[in-house]
Amino acid sequence: MLVKTFGSAIQGIFATTVTVEVAVEQGINFFLVGLPDNAVKESHQRISSALNYYGYKIPGKKIVINMAPADIKKEGSSYDLTIAVGILAASEQITGADRLGQYLIMGELSLDGSVKPIKGVLPIAMQAKKEGFRGFILPSSNAKEAAIVKGLDVLGVDNIMQVINFFNGTESINKEIINVEEEFEKGLHGYELDFADVKGQENIKRAMEVAAAGSHNILLVGSPGSGKTMLAKRLPGILPPLTLEESLETTKIHSVAGKMGLKSSIISVRPFRSPHHTISDIALVGGGMYPQPGEISLAHNGVLFLDELPEFRRSVLEVLRQPMEERIITISRTKQTTEYPASFMLVAAMNPCPCGYYNHPSVPCTCAPGAVNKYMSKISGPLLDRIDIQCEVVPVPFKELSDKQQGEKSEVIRQRVINARKIQAERFKDFENIHCNAQMTPKLMREFCRTDERSLNLIKNAVNKLGLSARAYDRILKVSRTIADLENSVDIQPSHIAEAINYRSLDRESWGR
């Protein structure tokens, strides 16, 4: 008897429906074809043990299983339940074979028949809904995540016996139902860290606000203990809340990577990823034999924080350049090419020199002559060129540390950032893939960053007197446009230009000399 069950394969952050054809015929042997990897091939032993546990068995006949389309690699153990149900139906051990085509079935089997969680549930559920399946049978620990998709019966199960009884018509499975909007709203304000906890550093807080308002990349340079990491970790709390569309896209990436917690449904706060400086190229951008999202994709719609920037390997930092510009990463392998979104805001922190005390107000720098420049040269010019705001963080004086007065709360700053982003959304509504000032092309800069004579002279003087590099010119204009938006100003004023110039510390010729 020939029976078809349905599963799904993940490619990037999208799913492709896989038809599992099971034929039980006269003869002996077990054939599994359709480009399965080793984990899929090993399903025979898991299925056999799981069925025996509940008094069922794999028939002692010739079993041929084809996983179509055969040109897509089938990876992982999530097809165990799909194949097991197909074998039972083809050998007439369950009676509801006519209903199999209405449901997409996925899950990993334990030897005792229990069903373990799988990856990529959200994109699979979205594709199942798109292709007109009535329901999705999957592990109960993944059910909340799949229930985000409306119009699809999500049936969470704990063991294979529940599935058998369901198709035999002797047991019903409760549908998982969640209120997506309610779940989304619940986590929108889930930030514990607040800028009110930071003593002093008002100029850096302002720089962080400007960075958040225009989605500008920012680099903080300062001695140990000056508060760089503390400030960076509070940045997500002042970014605009995720839209539902952004939330779903972020959840899909984390689902594919297996980073969603059990019983979780939707990611409603912006990601904050902080990889260690020993990270490899592939772990950062994604890849591997079977491509998986890297840290830059897991930081999509959020913040990628690189602490101790010069300690990262040069090759690791250089692979950031293209994704920062294009906001997407393409991973090419011999047999497949995969794309992952990578629209993140880069926040980096570093010491100014090997000893950490160059330009410190009270502790002398002990580095040899030229050491500062050598240390800074670990970060290439093209990478620095993509960082709009570069700030020197000075240690907080004791007087400010001991001040009991609380600083401005993150929620107050966040509201100003949201207002500035609304102005940008309106400005760029007719331009595809441009959402904020940091993403402006040279053509858009000419249209939206016009300066008067006074402002132009200010930039000219800054270039001549402070030794600012030519590449700083565009960055100053973009940042000054954001500062103008924060003040709800239609035109860029000289005061906006002056503030933007102050955010180019590393472009000054005097730095490191």
Protein backbone atom coordinates (compact mmCIF):
# COMPACT_ATOMS: atom_id res chain seq x y z
CA MET A 1 0.00 0.00 0.00
CA LEU A 2 1.26 3.48 -0.89
CA VAL A 3 0.69 6.36 1.55
CA LYS A 4 1.83 9.99 1.53
CA THR A 5 2.60 12.09 4.60
CA PHE A 6 3.97 15.61 4.65
CA GLY A 7 6.90 17.29 6.39
CA SER A 8 9.03 20.33 5.59
CA ALA A 9 12.65 21.29 4.83
CA ILE A 10 14.23 24.61 5.80
CA GLN A 11 16.24 26.65 3.30
CA GLY A 12 17.48 29.92 4.77
CA ILE A 13 14.49 31.27 6.70
CA PHE A 14 11.95 29.73 4.34
CA ALA A 15 10.36 26.28 4.29
CA THR A 16 9.70 23.84 1.44
CA THR A 17 7.06 21.15 1.86
CA VAL A 18 8.46 17.61 1.66
CA THR A 19 6.23 14.73 0.56
CA VAL A 20 7.15 11.46 2.27
CA GLU A 21 5.91 8.56 0.12
CA VAL A 22 5.83 5.20 1.92
CA ALA A 23 5.23 1.92 0.05
CA VAL A 24 4.96 -1.41 1.88
CA GLU A 25 5.30 -4.33 -0.52
CA GLN A 26 6.08 -8.04 -0.61
CA GLY A 27 9.73 -8.80 0.14
CA ILE A 28 12.26 -7.64 2.69
CA ASN A 29 14.59 -4.67 3.28
CA PHE A 30 14.23 -0.98 4.14
CA PHE A 31 15.02 1.71 1.57
CA LEU A 32 15.11 5.44 2.38
CA VAL A 33 15.78 7.70 -0.62
CA GLY A 34 15.42 11.38 -1.54
CA LEU A 35 18.75 12.91 -0.40
CA PRO A 36 18.45 12.24 3.37
CA ASP A 37 21.43 13.00 5.64
CA ASN A 38 22.74 10.57 8.27
CA ALA A 39 20.34 11.83 10.97
CA VAL A 40 17.36 11.03 8.70
CA LYS A 41 18.79 7.61 7.79
CA GLU A 42 19.18 6.76 11.48
CA SER A 43 15.44 7.34 12.00
CA HIS A 44 14.83 3.63 11.30
CA GLN A 45 16.19 2.62 14.72
CA ARG A 46 14.39 5.41 16.60
CA ILE A 47 11.08 4.65 14.91
CA SER A 48 11.39 0.91 15.52
CA SER A 49 12.03 1.37 19.24
CA ALA A 50 9.30 4.03 19.64
CA LEU A 51 6.67 1.82 17.96
CA ASN A 52 7.68 -1.27 19.96
CA TYR A 53 7.25 0.71 23.18
CA TYR A 54 3.53 1.11 22.41
CA GLY A 55 2.99 -2.36 20.95
CA TYR A 56 3.28 -1.44 17.27
CA LYS A 57 6.02 -2.53 14.88
CA ILE A 58 7.67 -1.88 11.55
CA PRO A 59 6.31 -4.64 9.25
CA GLY A 60 8.76 -7.32 8.14
CA LYS A 61 8.23 -6.50 4.46
CA LYS A 62 9.90 -4.43 1.79
CA ILE A 63 9.54 -0.77 2.76
CA VAL A 64 10.45 1.98 0.30
CA ILE A 65 10.38 5.59 1.52
CA ASN A 66 10.89 8.45 -0.91
CA MET A 67 11.30 12.05 0.29
CA ALA A 68 10.35 14.42 -2.51
CA PRO A 69 11.52 16.74 -3.97
CA ALA A 70 14.64 14.57 -4.17
CA ASP A 71 17.01 17.42 -5.07
CA ILE A 72 16.64 19.16 -1.66
CA LYS A 73 18.82 17.94 1.19
CA LYS A 74 16.75 16.55 4.10
CA GLU A 75 18.54 17.26 7.37
CA GLY A 76 18.01 16.44 11.04
CA SER A 77 15.78 14.15 13.05
CA SER A 78 12.54 16.11 12.69
CA TYR A 79 11.19 13.70 10.04
CA ASP A 80 10.94 10.78 12.52
CA LEU A 81 7.25 11.34 13.23
CA THR A 82 6.43 11.97 9.55
CA ILE A 83 8.04 8.69 8.47
CA ALA A 84 6.65 6.68 11.42
CA VAL A 85 3.04 7.73 10.71
CA GLY A 86 3.55 6.93 7.02
CA ILE A 87 4.80 3.41 7.83
CA LEU A 88 1.86 2.75 10.18
CA ALA A 89 -0.65 3.97 7.59
CA ALA A 90 0.95 2.05 4.70
CA SER A 91 0.94 -1.17 6.78
CA GLU A 92 -2.70 -0.48 7.80
CA GLN A 93 -1.89 -0.22 11.52
CA ILE A 94 -3.82 3.03 11.64
CA THR A 95 -7.13 3.59 9.92
CA GLY A 96 -7.22 7.31 9.18
CA ALA A 97 -4.93 7.30 6.16
CA ASP A 98 -7.45 9.36 4.19
CA ARG A 99 -6.89 12.31 6.57
CA LEU A 100 -3.08 12.30 6.39
CA GLY A 101 -3.03 14.71 3.45
CA GLN A 102 -4.72 17.41 5.55
CA TYR A 103 -1.91 17.65 8.10
CA LEU A 104 1.77 18.48 8.08
CA ILE A 105 3.51 16.23 10.63
CA MET A 106 6.97 16.85 12.18
CA GLY A 107 8.82 15.76 15.32
CA GLU A 108 11.85 13.88 16.62
CA LEU A 109 11.13 10.56 18.35
CA SER A 110 12.76 9.27 21.53
CA LEU A 111 13.16 5.53 22.03
CA ASP A 112 10.18 5.56 24.40
CA GLY A 113 7.93 7.19 21.80
CA SER A 114 7.94 10.70 23.25
CA VAL A 115 8.19 13.60 20.80
CA LYS A 116 11.09 16.04 21.16
CA PRO A 117 11.22 19.67 19.96
CA ILE A 118 12.42 20.67 16.48
CA LYS A 119 13.87 23.77 14.78
CA GLY A 120 12.30 26.13 12.26
CA VAL A 121 8.70 25.72 13.41
CA LEU A 122 7.48 29.22 12.48
CA PRO A 123 8.56 29.21 8.79
CA ILE A 124 7.19 25.64 8.48
CA ALA A 125 3.81 26.69 9.89
CA MET A 126 3.66 29.74 7.62
CA GLN A 127 4.35 27.59 4.56
CA ALA A 128 1.77 24.99 5.69
CA LYS A 129 -0.87 27.73 5.92
CA LYS A 130 0.15 29.08 2.52
CA GLU A 131 -0.22 25.65 0.90
CA GLY A 132 -3.66 25.04 2.37
CA PHE A 133 -2.99 22.40 5.01
CA ARG A 134 -5.70 22.11 7.61
CA GLY A 135 -3.33 21.57 10.53
CA PHE A 136 0.21 21.05 11.80
CA ILE A 137 1.00 18.17 14.19
CA LEU A 138 4.21 18.86 16.09
CA PRO A 139 5.85 18.60 19.55
CA SER A 140 3.82 20.35 22.25
CA SER A 141 6.87 22.38 23.33
CA ASN A 142 6.89 24.04 19.86
CA ALA A 143 3.13 24.54 19.64
CA LYS A 144 3.02 28.14 20.92
CA GLU A 145 5.49 29.24 18.28
CA ALA A 146 3.45 27.66 15.45
CA ALA A 147 0.19 29.04 16.86
CA ILE A 148 1.28 32.53 15.80
CA VAL A 149 0.04 31.55 12.33
CA LYS A 150 -3.70 32.14 12.21
CA GLY A 151 -5.99 29.87 10.21
CA LEU A 152 -3.96 26.71 10.90
CA ASP A 153 -4.92 24.04 13.46
CA VAL A 154 -1.82 23.62 15.61
CA LEU A 155 -1.91 20.28 17.42
CA GLY A 156 0.84 19.81 20.00
CA VAL A 157 1.61 16.19 21.02
CA ASP A 158 3.81 14.64 23.70
CA ASN A 159 4.15 11.12 22.25
CA ILE A 160 3.46 9.13 19.10
CA MET A 161 0.51 7.31 20.69
CA GLN A 162 -1.48 10.55 20.69
CA VAL A 163 -0.93 10.83 16.93
CA ILE A 164 -1.95 7.21 16.35
CA ASN A 165 -5.13 7.62 18.39
CA PHE A 166 -5.90 10.90 16.62
CA PHE A 167 -5.86 9.30 13.16
CA ASN A 168 -7.72 6.24 14.47
CA GLY A 169 -10.41 8.62 15.73
CA THR A 170 -10.19 7.46 19.37
CA GLU A 171 -8.62 10.61 20.80
CA SER A 172 -8.75 14.31 20.02
CA ILE A 173 -5.85 16.72 20.38
CA ASN A 174 -6.48 20.18 21.78
CA LYS A 175 -5.66 23.04 19.42
CA GLU A 176 -3.03 25.49 20.61
CA ILE A 177 -4.51 28.98 20.49
CA ILE A 178 -2.72 32.21 21.41
CA ASN A 179 -3.52 35.87 21.01
CA VAL A 180 -0.63 37.08 18.85
CA GLU A 181 -1.22 40.77 19.53
CA GLU A 182 -1.42 40.12 23.28
CA GLU A 183 1.78 38.03 23.28
CA PHE A 184 3.51 40.70 21.19
CA GLU A 185 2.42 43.56 23.45
CA LYS A 186 3.41 41.63 26.57
CA GLY A 187 7.09 41.67 25.71
CA LEU A 188 7.41 45.08 24.06
CA HIS A 189 8.76 46.75 27.19
CA GLY A 190 10.85 43.87 28.48
CA TYR A 191 14.10 45.81 29.09
CA GLU A 192 15.46 45.71 32.62
CA LEU A 193 18.50 47.92 31.99
CA ASP A 194 17.84 51.66 32.09
CA PHE A 195 19.92 54.72 31.21
CA ALA A 196 18.78 56.21 34.51
CA ASP A 197 21.28 53.85 36.21
CA VAL A 198 24.24 55.43 34.41
CA LYS A 199 25.97 58.18 36.38
CA GLY A 200 27.40 61.05 34.34
CA GLN A 201 28.41 60.43 30.71
CA GLU A 202 25.71 62.81 29.48
CA ASN A 203 27.58 63.45 26.22
CA ILE A 204 27.81 59.70 25.48
CA LYS A 205 24.15 59.19 26.34
CA ARG A 206 23.35 61.92 23.83
CA ALA A 207 25.54 60.19 21.22
CA MET A 208 23.71 56.90 21.87
CA GLU A 209 20.38 58.70 21.44
CA VAL A 210 21.51 60.12 18.09
CA ALA A 211 22.78 56.68 17.02
CA ALA A 212 19.44 55.06 17.93
CA ALA A 213 17.42 57.79 16.20
CA GLY A 214 19.18 57.36 12.85
CA SER A 215 20.28 53.70 13.22
CA HIS A 216 23.90 54.82 13.02
CA ASN A 217 26.72 52.44 13.90
CA ILE A 218 28.68 53.67 16.91
CA LEU A 219 32.16 53.06 18.34
CA LEU A 220 33.01 53.85 21.98
CA VAL A 221 36.69 54.33 22.80
CA GLY A 222 37.80 54.68 26.40
CA SER A 223 39.87 53.35 29.27
CA PRO A 224 38.81 50.32 31.36
CA GLY A 225 35.91 51.06 33.71
CA SER A 226 34.73 54.19 31.91
CA GLY A 227 31.28 52.67 31.26
CA LYS A 228 31.44 51.58 27.60
CA THR A 229 29.82 48.18 28.07
CA MET A 230 27.27 49.54 30.55
CA LEU A 231 26.12 52.13 28.02
CA ALA A 232 26.06 49.69 25.10
CA LYS A 233 23.85 47.19 26.96
CA ARG A 234 21.25 49.89 27.53
CA LEU A 235 20.96 50.87 23.88
CA PRO A 236 18.16 48.39 22.95
CA GLY A 237 15.98 50.04 25.61
CA ILE A 238 15.87 53.32 23.65
CA LEU A 239 15.39 51.82 20.19
CA PRO A 240 11.86 51.99 18.70
CA PRO A 241 9.73 48.91 19.49
CA LEU A 242 9.61 46.15 16.91
CA THR A 243 6.71 46.19 14.50
CA LEU A 244 4.76 42.92 14.23
CA GLU A 245 6.31 42.30 10.80
CA GLU A 246 9.84 42.80 12.16
CA SER A 247 9.00 40.59 15.13
CA LEU A 248 7.87 37.72 12.90
CA GLU A 249 10.98 37.99 10.73
CA THR A 250 13.25 38.01 13.80
CA THR A 251 11.38 35.04 15.28
CA LYS A 252 11.83 33.07 12.03
CA ILE A 253 15.61 33.52 12.17
CA HIS A 254 15.85 32.45 15.81
CA SER A 255 13.51 29.54 15.13
CA VAL A 256 15.67 28.25 12.26
CA ALA A 257 18.77 28.57 14.46
CA GLY A 258 17.08 26.68 17.31
CA LYS A 259 17.41 29.68 19.65
CA MET A 260 13.74 29.91 20.62
CA GLY A 261 13.08 28.83 24.19
CA LEU A 262 10.68 25.98 24.89
CA LYS A 263 7.03 27.07 25.18
CA SER A 264 7.94 30.49 23.72
CA SER A 265 5.91 32.07 20.95
CA ILE A 266 7.22 35.34 19.49
CA ILE A 267 10.23 37.62 19.95
CA SER A 268 8.92 41.08 20.74
CA VAL A 269 12.08 42.85 21.96
CA ARG A 270 14.99 43.82 19.76
CA PRO A 271 17.83 41.26 19.89
CA PHE A 272 21.11 42.14 21.59
CA ARG A 273 23.94 39.83 20.53
CA SER A 274 27.38 40.12 22.14
CA PRO A 275 29.77 37.44 20.78
CA HIS A 276 33.18 36.88 22.40
CA HIS A 277 36.23 38.13 20.52
CA THR A 278 37.42 34.54 19.88
CA ILE A 279 34.46 33.97 17.51
CA SER A 280 35.18 32.50 14.06
CA ASP A 281 34.22 34.00 10.69
CA ILE A 282 31.50 31.39 10.11
CA ALA A 283 30.00 31.76 13.60
CA LEU A 284 29.71 35.52 13.01
CA VAL A 285 28.27 35.62 9.48
CA GLY A 286 26.71 32.15 9.36
CA GLY A 287 27.49 29.06 7.33
CA GLY A 288 28.83 25.61 8.02
CA MET A 289 28.38 22.38 6.06
CA TYR A 290 24.63 22.84 6.45
CA PRO A 291 24.28 26.67 6.54
CA GLN A 292 22.91 28.16 9.74
CA PRO A 293 22.37 31.84 10.70
CA GLY A 294 25.34 33.55 12.34
CA GLU A 295 25.46 36.25 15.00
CA ILE A 296 24.85 39.05 12.50
CA SER A 297 21.56 37.43 11.43
CA LEU A 298 20.56 36.68 15.02
CA ALA A 299 21.07 40.42 15.63
CA HIS A 300 18.71 41.27 12.72
CA ASN A 301 16.45 44.21 13.68
CA GLY A 302 18.54 44.65 16.83
CA VAL A 303 22.05 45.34 18.10
CA LEU A 304 25.34 43.54 17.47
CA PHE A 305 27.76 44.52 20.25
CA LEU A 306 31.46 43.82 19.70
CA ASP A 307 33.38 44.47 22.92
CA GLU A 308 37.18 44.80 22.78
CA LEU A 309 36.99 45.38 19.01
CA PRO A 310 40.76 45.18 18.21
CA GLU A 311 40.96 41.76 19.89
CA PHE A 312 38.75 40.23 17.18
CA ARG A 313 40.72 38.59 14.38
CA ARG A 314 41.18 40.87 11.37
CA SER A 315 39.50 38.36 9.04
CA VAL A 316 36.44 38.23 11.34
CA LEU A 317 36.02 42.00 11.27
CA GLU A 318 36.48 42.26 7.51
CA VAL A 319 33.58 39.88 6.77
CA LEU A 320 31.28 42.46 8.42
CA ARG A 321 31.83 45.04 5.70
CA GLN A 322 29.47 43.74 3.01
CA PRO A 323 26.55 42.79 5.35
CA MET A 324 26.75 46.21 7.03
CA GLU A 325 26.29 47.84 3.63
CA GLU A 326 23.76 45.47 2.02
CA ARG A 327 21.91 44.32 5.20
CA ILE A 328 21.82 40.75 3.93
CA ILE A 329 24.34 37.90 3.97
CA THR A 330 24.60 35.37 1.15
CA ILE A 331 26.23 32.05 2.04
CA SER A 332 27.34 30.03 -0.96
CA ARG A 333 28.25 26.36 -0.81
CA THR A 334 28.89 23.80 -3.56
CA LYS A 335 25.33 22.48 -3.58
CA GLN A 336 23.31 25.45 -2.31
CA THR A 337 23.16 29.18 -1.79
CA THR A 338 21.36 30.56 1.25
CA GLU A 339 20.42 34.13 2.15
CA TYR A 340 19.83 35.42 5.68
CA PRO A 341 18.72 38.94 6.67
CA ALA A 342 21.38 40.96 8.51
CA SER A 343 20.02 44.45 9.17
CA PHE A 344 21.68 45.19 12.48
CA MET A 345 23.03 48.20 14.31
CA LEU A 346 26.72 47.79 15.15
CA VAL A 347 27.88 48.99 18.56
CA ALA A 348 31.58 48.48 19.26
CA ALA A 349 33.76 49.27 22.26
CA MET A 350 37.53 49.30 22.67
CA ASN A 351 40.42 50.57 24.73
CA PRO A 352 42.45 53.38 23.12
CA CYS A 353 45.76 51.51 23.42
CA PRO A 354 47.25 48.20 24.65
CA CYS A 355 47.60 49.42 28.26
CA GLY A 356 44.17 51.08 28.06
CA TYR A 357 45.08 54.52 29.47
CA TYR A 358 45.92 56.71 26.47
CA ASN A 359 44.26 60.13 26.99
CA HIS A 360 43.24 59.18 30.55
CA PRO A 361 42.91 62.32 32.73
CA SER A 362 44.88 60.90 35.70
CA VAL A 363 46.56 57.58 34.83
CA PRO A 364 49.59 57.82 32.51
CA CYS A 365 49.82 55.66 29.37
CA THR A 366 52.74 53.20 29.55
CA CYS A 367 52.68 52.15 25.88
CA ALA A 368 55.78 52.49 23.69
CA PRO A 369 55.89 55.23 21.02
CA GLY A 370 53.75 54.27 18.05
CA ALA A 371 51.86 51.61 20.02
CA VAL A 372 48.59 53.54 19.90
CA ASN A 373 48.64 53.82 16.12
CA LYS A 374 49.61 50.15 15.81
CA TYR A 375 46.75 49.15 18.09
CA MET A 376 44.25 51.27 16.16
CA SER A 377 45.46 49.87 12.84
CA LYS A 378 43.99 46.49 13.83
CA ILE A 379 40.70 48.02 12.67
CA SER A 380 40.76 48.67 8.94
CA GLY A 381 39.85 51.99 7.37
CA PRO A 382 36.94 50.52 5.35
CA LEU A 383 35.37 49.17 8.55
CA LEU A 384 35.81 52.48 10.41
CA ASP A 385 34.32 54.17 7.36
CA ARG A 386 31.06 52.36 8.06
CA ILE A 387 30.88 53.57 11.67
CA ASP A 388 29.15 56.96 11.68
CA ILE A 389 29.71 57.93 15.32
CA GLN A 390 33.06 57.54 17.10
CA CYS A 391 33.14 58.78 20.69
CA GLU A 392 35.84 59.00 23.31
CA VAL A 393 34.49 57.88 26.69
CA VAL A 394 36.17 59.62 29.65
CA PRO A 395 36.01 58.08 33.18
CA VAL A 396 33.27 59.51 35.40
CA PRO A 397 34.55 61.81 38.21
CA PHE A 398 33.82 60.75 41.80
CA LYS A 399 31.50 63.72 42.31
CA GLU A 400 29.15 62.43 39.58
CA LEU A 401 29.47 58.80 40.73
CA SER A 402 28.34 59.70 44.24
CA ASP A 403 25.48 61.91 43.04
CA LYS A 404 22.19 60.39 44.22
CA GLN A 405 20.12 62.18 41.61
CA GLN A 406 18.80 59.76 39.00
CA GLY A 407 19.44 60.39 35.31
CA GLU A 408 16.92 60.55 32.49
CA LYS A 409 14.96 57.32 32.04
CA SER A 410 15.27 55.20 28.90
CA GLU A 411 11.56 55.47 28.15
CA VAL A 412 11.83 59.28 27.90
CA ILE A 413 14.78 59.03 25.50
CA ARG A 414 12.99 56.29 23.57
CA GLN A 415 10.02 58.53 22.88
CA ARG A 416 12.28 61.15 21.29
CA VAL A 417 13.89 58.41 19.18
CA ILE A 418 10.47 57.15 18.06
CA ASN A 419 9.43 60.67 17.03
CA ALA A 420 12.63 61.07 14.97
CA ARG A 421 12.10 57.68 13.30
CA LYS A 422 8.55 58.69 12.32
CA ILE A 423 9.96 61.74 10.51
CA GLN A 424 12.42 59.47 8.65
CA ALA A 425 9.71 56.94 7.79
CA GLU A 426 7.69 59.71 6.18
CA ARG A 427 10.78 61.06 4.38
CA PHE A 428 11.77 57.73 2.85
CA LYS A 429 8.30 56.24 2.25
CA ASP A 430 8.79 56.35 -1.53
CA PHE A 431 12.23 54.72 -1.45
CA GLU A 432 12.53 50.93 -1.30
CA ASN A 433 14.75 49.45 1.46
CA ILE A 434 15.57 52.90 2.90
CA HIS A 435 14.07 53.36 6.36
CA CYS A 436 16.45 55.63 8.30
CA ASN A 437 19.15 58.25 7.83
CA ALA A 438 22.07 55.83 8.14
CA GLN A 439 20.86 54.03 5.00
CA MET A 440 20.85 57.13 2.79
CA THR A 441 22.62 56.86 -0.57
CA PRO A 442 24.74 59.76 -1.91
CA LYS A 443 21.82 60.74 -4.15
CA LEU A 444 19.42 60.93 -1.19
CA MET A 445 21.99 62.89 0.82
CA ARG A 446 22.09 65.54 -1.88
CA GLU A 447 18.31 65.81 -1.64
CA PHE A 448 17.79 65.69 2.13
CA CYS A 449 21.08 66.95 3.62
CA ARG A 450 21.35 70.38 2.07
CA THR A 451 23.43 72.87 4.05
CA ASP A 452 23.59 76.65 4.07
CA GLU A 453 26.77 78.71 3.70
CA ARG A 454 27.46 78.87 7.46
CA SER A 455 27.16 75.10 7.86
CA LEU A 456 29.40 74.45 4.88
CA ASN A 457 32.07 76.78 6.25
CA LEU A 458 31.88 74.96 9.59
CA ILE A 459 32.62 71.62 7.95
CA LYS A 460 35.41 73.20 5.88
CA ASN A 461 37.05 74.64 9.00
CA ALA A 462 36.73 71.30 10.80
CA VAL A 463 38.46 69.48 7.94
CA ASN A 464 41.28 72.04 7.85
CA LYS A 465 41.83 72.64 11.58
CA LEU A 466 41.02 69.24 13.12
CA GLY A 467 42.44 67.22 10.26
CA LEU A 468 39.21 65.32 9.64
CA SER A 469 39.41 62.78 6.83
CA ALA A 470 37.49 63.12 3.59
CA ARG A 471 35.35 60.07 4.44
CA ALA A 472 34.11 61.90 7.55
CA TYR A 473 32.21 64.41 5.39
CA ASP A 474 29.32 62.09 4.44
CA ARG A 475 29.05 60.72 7.96
CA ILE A 476 28.85 64.21 9.45
CA LEU A 477 25.99 65.12 7.10
CA LYS A 478 24.03 61.92 7.90
CA VAL A 479 24.44 62.36 11.65
CA SER A 480 23.57 66.08 11.49
CA ARG A 481 20.37 65.15 9.59
CA THR A 482 19.44 62.83 12.47
CA ILE A 483 20.19 65.53 15.07
CA ALA A 484 17.92 67.90 13.13
CA ASP A 485 15.17 65.24 13.17
CA LEU A 486 15.50 64.88 16.94
CA GLU A 487 14.88 68.62 17.23
CA ASN A 488 12.06 68.44 14.65
CA SER A 489 13.98 70.84 12.42
CA VAL A 490 13.31 70.83 8.68
CA ASP A 491 16.76 72.24 7.82
CA ILE A 492 20.20 71.27 9.07
CA GLN A 493 21.50 74.08 11.28
CA PRO A 494 25.17 74.94 12.06
CA SER A 495 24.62 73.69 15.63
CA HIS A 496 23.67 70.26 14.24
CA ILE A 497 26.81 70.20 12.12
CA ALA A 498 28.96 71.20 15.13
CA GLU A 499 27.56 68.38 17.24
CA ALA A 500 28.07 65.84 14.44
CA ILE A 501 31.73 66.93 14.08
CA ASN A 502 32.29 66.16 17.77
CA TYR A 503 31.27 62.55 17.06
CA ARG A 504 34.29 61.93 14.80
CA SER A 505 37.02 61.52 17.42
CA LEU A 506 39.11 58.96 15.53
CA ASP A 507 39.25 61.03 12.34
CA ARG A 508 41.33 63.73 13.99
CA GLU A 509 44.99 63.82 12.97
CA SER A 510 46.00 64.36 16.60
CA TRP A 511 44.55 60.98 17.68
CA GLY A 512 47.28 58.55 18.69
CA ARG A 513 50.15 61.01 18.21
